[in-house]
Amino acid sequence: MPRVTSLPALDARALTQAFGPLTVLHGVSLNVMPGEVVAVTGPSGSGKSTLLHLLGGLDTPQSGEVWWAGERVDTLGTQVRAERRAAQVGLVFQHHYLLEDLNVLDNVLVPCRLSGRGDAAHARTLLAQVGLAGREETFPGVLSGGERQRVAVARALAARPAVVLADEPTGSLDRANAQAVAELLVNLARQEGAGVLLVTHDDRLTRYADRSLHLLDGRFTDEAPDFR
């Protein structure tokens, strides 16, 4: 069942991050509500990767707070944070990062086994929804690039996370597969009640978002993105 809550799926408050003398993020704030899709655009070097690492609990901000579904993340210990990440955050990257020695179903079940959330029946349902019914026992090596990324989408949603962080999720796909995967990700996340933060250079993906934010020099700006 989709989660029902009035809390933001993701809430970031005044995030600042510096590496030595270089400040990469300057007090960045954003939130994503359950079922909402927010796109973040920005050129290389704008701070997008640093922001994603903070939002995913992979790094701790120099200042500011990160919350997943009402729980403050940046104060958690390493082990607890990893457990919460597996339960609350689905991750989709430009490359699928499937485990080649696991079949499709077992790849989708990885976050479920790490978090104790989700089950095989739900995983099979997700695979059917991404067009891979009957391929559960198939290994990644015989799948096309589009099929692999569809498995990655199912995996991201398998543990019923509060939010999905998608980092250029269609960057390695051709136009037709990119559109199909983007639509699947957005539609399934909304169906599951998960928020989506979509980081992209592709203006075609921003049309799937409820709203878009442009990051420039570590700050959100009203300046229109240039996708040329």
Protein backbone atom coordinates (compact mmCIF):
# COMPACT_ATOMS: atom_id res chain seq x y z
CA MET A 1 0.00 0.00 0.00
CA PRO A 2 1.25 3.56 -0.69
CA ARG A 3 2.38 5.44 2.40
CA VAL A 4 -0.05 8.05 3.70
CA THR A 5 1.59 10.96 5.53
CA SER A 6 1.58 14.74 5.59
CA LEU A 7 5.31 14.85 6.35
CA PRO A 8 7.74 15.69 3.55
CA ALA A 9 9.34 12.60 2.04
CA LEU A 10 12.58 14.59 2.00
CA ASP A 11 13.36 17.84 3.78
CA ALA A 12 16.72 19.60 3.53
CA ARG A 13 17.28 22.75 5.54
CA ALA A 14 20.05 25.30 4.94
CA LEU A 15 22.67 22.80 3.77
CA THR A 16 26.20 24.12 3.58
CA GLN A 17 29.17 22.03 2.51
CA ALA A 18 32.78 23.03 1.98
CA PHE A 19 35.92 21.21 0.94
CA GLY A 20 38.86 23.10 2.36
CA PRO A 21 38.56 26.75 1.31
CA LEU A 22 35.96 25.94 -1.36
CA THR A 23 32.29 26.24 -0.34
CA VAL A 24 30.27 24.03 -2.67
CA LEU A 25 26.78 24.53 -1.21
CA HIS A 26 25.58 27.78 0.36
CA GLY A 27 22.58 27.21 2.65
CA VAL A 28 20.53 25.14 0.19
CA SER A 29 17.00 24.18 1.25
CA LEU A 30 14.39 22.03 -0.49
CA ASN A 31 11.63 19.58 0.27
CA VAL A 32 9.82 16.85 -1.64
CA MET A 33 6.34 15.73 -0.63
CA PRO A 34 5.07 12.15 -1.01
CA GLY A 35 4.09 11.54 -4.62
CA GLU A 36 5.76 14.76 -5.80
CA VAL A 37 8.45 14.88 -8.49
CA VAL A 38 11.04 17.65 -8.19
CA ALA A 39 13.72 18.15 -10.84
CA VAL A 40 17.08 19.70 -10.02
CA THR A 41 19.08 21.01 -12.96
CA GLY A 42 22.44 22.71 -13.12
CA PRO A 43 25.75 22.70 -14.97
CA SER A 44 28.74 20.59 -14.01
CA GLY A 45 30.34 22.01 -10.88
CA SER A 46 27.13 23.60 -9.61
CA GLY A 47 26.99 21.34 -6.53
CA LYS A 48 24.45 18.73 -7.69
CA SER A 49 26.57 15.70 -6.80
CA THR A 50 27.45 17.12 -3.39
CA LEU A 51 23.78 17.85 -2.74
CA LEU A 52 22.77 14.30 -3.67
CA HIS A 53 25.41 12.82 -1.36
CA LEU A 54 24.01 14.87 1.51
CA LEU A 55 20.38 14.08 0.70
CA GLY A 56 21.21 10.38 0.47
CA GLY A 57 22.97 10.40 3.83
CA LEU A 58 26.28 9.44 2.21
CA ASP A 59 27.95 12.55 3.65
CA THR A 60 27.17 14.83 6.60
CA PRO A 61 26.67 18.55 5.91
CA GLN A 62 28.98 21.12 7.44
CA SER A 63 25.81 22.81 8.62
CA GLY A 64 22.11 22.31 8.07
CA GLU A 65 19.76 19.34 8.43
CA VAL A 66 18.49 16.45 6.31
CA TRP A 67 15.21 14.70 7.16
CA TRP A 68 13.70 11.56 5.65
CA ALA A 69 9.98 11.14 6.35
CA GLY A 70 10.22 13.12 9.59
CA GLU A 71 13.49 11.65 10.90
CA ARG A 72 16.63 13.74 11.07
CA VAL A 73 19.33 11.81 9.26
CA ASP A 74 22.56 13.73 9.68
CA THR A 75 22.65 13.03 13.43
CA LEU A 76 22.45 9.23 13.05
CA GLY A 77 25.41 6.92 13.49
CA THR A 78 26.88 5.23 10.43
CA GLN A 79 25.16 1.85 10.89
CA VAL A 80 21.75 3.27 11.77
CA ARG A 81 21.97 5.70 8.87
CA ALA A 82 22.71 2.86 6.46
CA GLU A 83 19.70 0.92 7.77
CA ARG A 84 17.44 3.97 7.44
CA ARG A 85 18.75 4.65 3.93
CA ALA A 86 17.88 1.14 2.82
CA ALA A 87 14.36 1.59 4.21
CA GLN A 88 13.62 5.21 3.29
CA VAL A 89 15.61 6.05 0.17
CA GLY A 90 15.49 4.46 -3.28
CA LEU A 91 18.47 5.19 -5.50
CA VAL A 92 18.58 5.23 -9.30
CA PHE A 93 21.79 6.21 -11.07
CA GLN A 94 22.85 6.80 -14.67
CA HIS A 95 24.25 3.27 -14.69
CA HIS A 96 22.13 0.47 -13.30
CA TYR A 97 24.72 -1.06 -10.90
CA LEU A 98 23.00 -4.43 -10.91
CA LEU A 99 24.81 -7.34 -9.27
CA GLU A 100 25.78 -9.62 -12.14
CA ASP A 101 25.80 -12.80 -10.05
CA LEU A 102 22.19 -12.26 -8.86
CA ASN A 103 19.13 -12.82 -10.99
CA VAL A 104 16.64 -10.04 -11.68
CA LEU A 105 14.36 -10.82 -8.75
CA ASP A 106 17.23 -11.06 -6.27
CA ASN A 107 18.63 -7.74 -7.53
CA VAL A 108 15.28 -6.08 -6.87
CA LEU A 109 15.13 -7.63 -3.41
CA VAL A 110 18.52 -6.29 -2.26
CA PRO A 111 17.14 -3.18 -0.47
CA CYS A 112 14.34 -5.29 1.05
CA ARG A 113 16.87 -7.63 2.63
CA LEU A 114 18.96 -4.73 3.90
CA SER A 115 15.99 -2.89 5.39
CA GLY A 116 13.59 -5.67 6.37
CA ARG A 117 10.89 -3.91 4.31
CA GLY A 118 9.13 -5.15 1.19
CA ASP A 119 8.77 -8.73 -0.02
CA ALA A 120 9.10 -10.98 -3.05
CA ALA A 121 5.45 -10.60 -4.02
CA HIS A 122 5.79 -6.82 -4.19
CA ALA A 123 9.06 -7.17 -6.12
CA ARG A 124 7.38 -9.42 -8.67
CA THR A 125 4.55 -6.92 -9.03
CA LEU A 126 7.02 -4.12 -9.69
CA LEU A 127 8.84 -6.22 -12.29
CA ALA A 128 5.54 -6.85 -14.05
CA GLN A 129 4.81 -3.12 -13.99
CA VAL A 130 8.14 -2.33 -15.65
CA GLY A 131 7.46 -4.92 -18.35
CA LEU A 132 9.66 -7.73 -17.05
CA ALA A 133 7.13 -10.31 -15.92
CA GLY A 134 8.55 -13.77 -16.48
CA ARG A 135 12.15 -12.50 -16.42
CA GLU A 136 12.63 -12.88 -12.65
CA GLU A 137 15.18 -15.68 -12.98
CA THR A 138 17.11 -13.98 -15.78
CA PHE A 139 20.61 -12.67 -15.05
CA PRO A 140 21.61 -9.09 -15.95
CA GLY A 141 24.16 -10.15 -18.54
CA VAL A 142 21.46 -11.07 -21.07
CA LEU A 143 19.34 -7.93 -20.57
CA SER A 144 19.44 -4.84 -22.76
CA GLY A 145 20.47 -1.50 -21.32
CA GLY A 146 16.86 -0.35 -21.13
CA GLU A 147 15.81 -3.57 -19.39
CA ARG A 148 18.62 -3.24 -16.86
CA GLN A 149 17.54 0.29 -16.00
CA ARG A 150 13.95 -0.93 -15.61
CA VAL A 151 15.22 -3.44 -13.06
CA ALA A 152 17.00 -0.58 -11.29
CA VAL A 153 13.72 1.35 -11.12
CA ALA A 154 11.94 -1.66 -9.61
CA ARG A 155 14.78 -2.11 -7.13
CA ALA A 156 14.58 1.54 -6.05
CA LEU A 157 10.90 1.12 -5.14
CA ALA A 158 10.99 -2.41 -3.73
CA ALA A 159 11.37 -1.43 -0.06
CA ARG A 160 8.60 1.17 -0.38
CA PRO A 161 10.92 4.15 0.30
CA ALA A 162 9.75 7.61 1.25
CA VAL A 163 11.82 9.19 -1.51
CA VAL A 164 13.66 8.16 -4.66
CA LEU A 165 16.85 10.01 -5.55
CA ALA A 166 17.47 9.69 -9.27
CA ASP A 167 20.83 10.88 -10.60
CA GLU A 168 20.73 11.21 -14.41
CA PRO A 169 18.69 7.98 -14.50
CA THR A 170 18.35 7.93 -18.29
CA GLY A 171 21.75 9.35 -19.21
CA SER A 172 23.06 6.08 -20.66
CA LEU A 173 19.92 5.26 -22.68
CA ASP A 174 18.74 6.09 -26.17
CA ARG A 175 15.81 8.48 -26.60
CA ALA A 176 13.06 5.85 -26.72
CA ASN A 177 14.34 3.92 -23.71
CA ALA A 178 15.00 7.15 -21.81
CA GLN A 179 11.39 8.23 -22.19
CA ALA A 180 10.06 4.81 -21.23
CA VAL A 181 12.23 4.55 -18.12
CA ALA A 182 11.45 8.11 -17.02
CA GLU A 183 7.72 7.51 -17.34
CA LEU A 184 7.96 4.24 -15.42
CA LEU A 185 9.97 5.83 -12.62
CA VAL A 186 7.62 8.77 -12.20
CA ASN A 187 4.38 6.81 -12.54
CA LEU A 188 5.42 3.99 -10.23
CA ALA A 189 6.80 6.36 -7.59
CA ARG A 190 3.56 8.32 -7.55
CA GLN A 191 1.59 5.08 -7.37
CA GLU A 192 3.72 3.97 -4.41
CA GLY A 193 3.41 7.37 -2.73
CA ALA A 194 7.13 8.08 -2.90
CA GLY A 195 8.59 11.50 -3.61
CA VAL A 196 11.15 11.77 -6.40
CA LEU A 197 14.14 14.07 -6.64
CA LEU A 198 15.32 13.92 -10.24
CA VAL A 199 18.75 15.36 -11.03
CA THR A 200 19.21 15.80 -14.75
CA HIS A 201 20.85 17.67 -17.61
CA ASP A 202 18.09 16.49 -19.93
CA ASP A 203 15.33 19.04 -20.51
CA ARG A 204 13.05 16.20 -21.70
CA LEU A 205 12.96 14.85 -18.15
CA THR A 206 11.98 18.12 -16.51
CA ARG A 207 8.54 17.89 -18.10
CA TYR A 208 7.76 14.95 -15.81
CA ALA A 209 8.39 17.12 -12.73
CA ASP A 210 5.80 18.98 -10.70
CA ARG A 211 8.38 21.72 -10.23
CA SER A 212 12.00 22.38 -11.15
CA LEU A 213 14.89 23.97 -9.27
CA HIS A 214 18.07 25.25 -10.91
CA LEU A 215 21.33 24.99 -8.98
CA LEU A 216 24.13 27.38 -9.88
CA ASP A 217 27.34 27.92 -7.92
CA GLY A 218 25.91 26.14 -4.89
CA ARG A 219 22.67 28.10 -4.70
CA PHE A 220 19.20 27.72 -6.15
CA THR A 221 18.52 30.46 -8.65
CA ASP A 222 15.69 31.74 -10.81
CA GLU A 223 18.04 31.81 -13.79
CA ALA A 224 16.68 29.63 -16.60
CA PRO A 225 18.74 26.50 -17.27
CA ASP A 226 20.61 26.28 -20.57
CA PHE A 227 20.33 22.75 -22.00
CA ARG A 228 22.25 23.44 -25.21
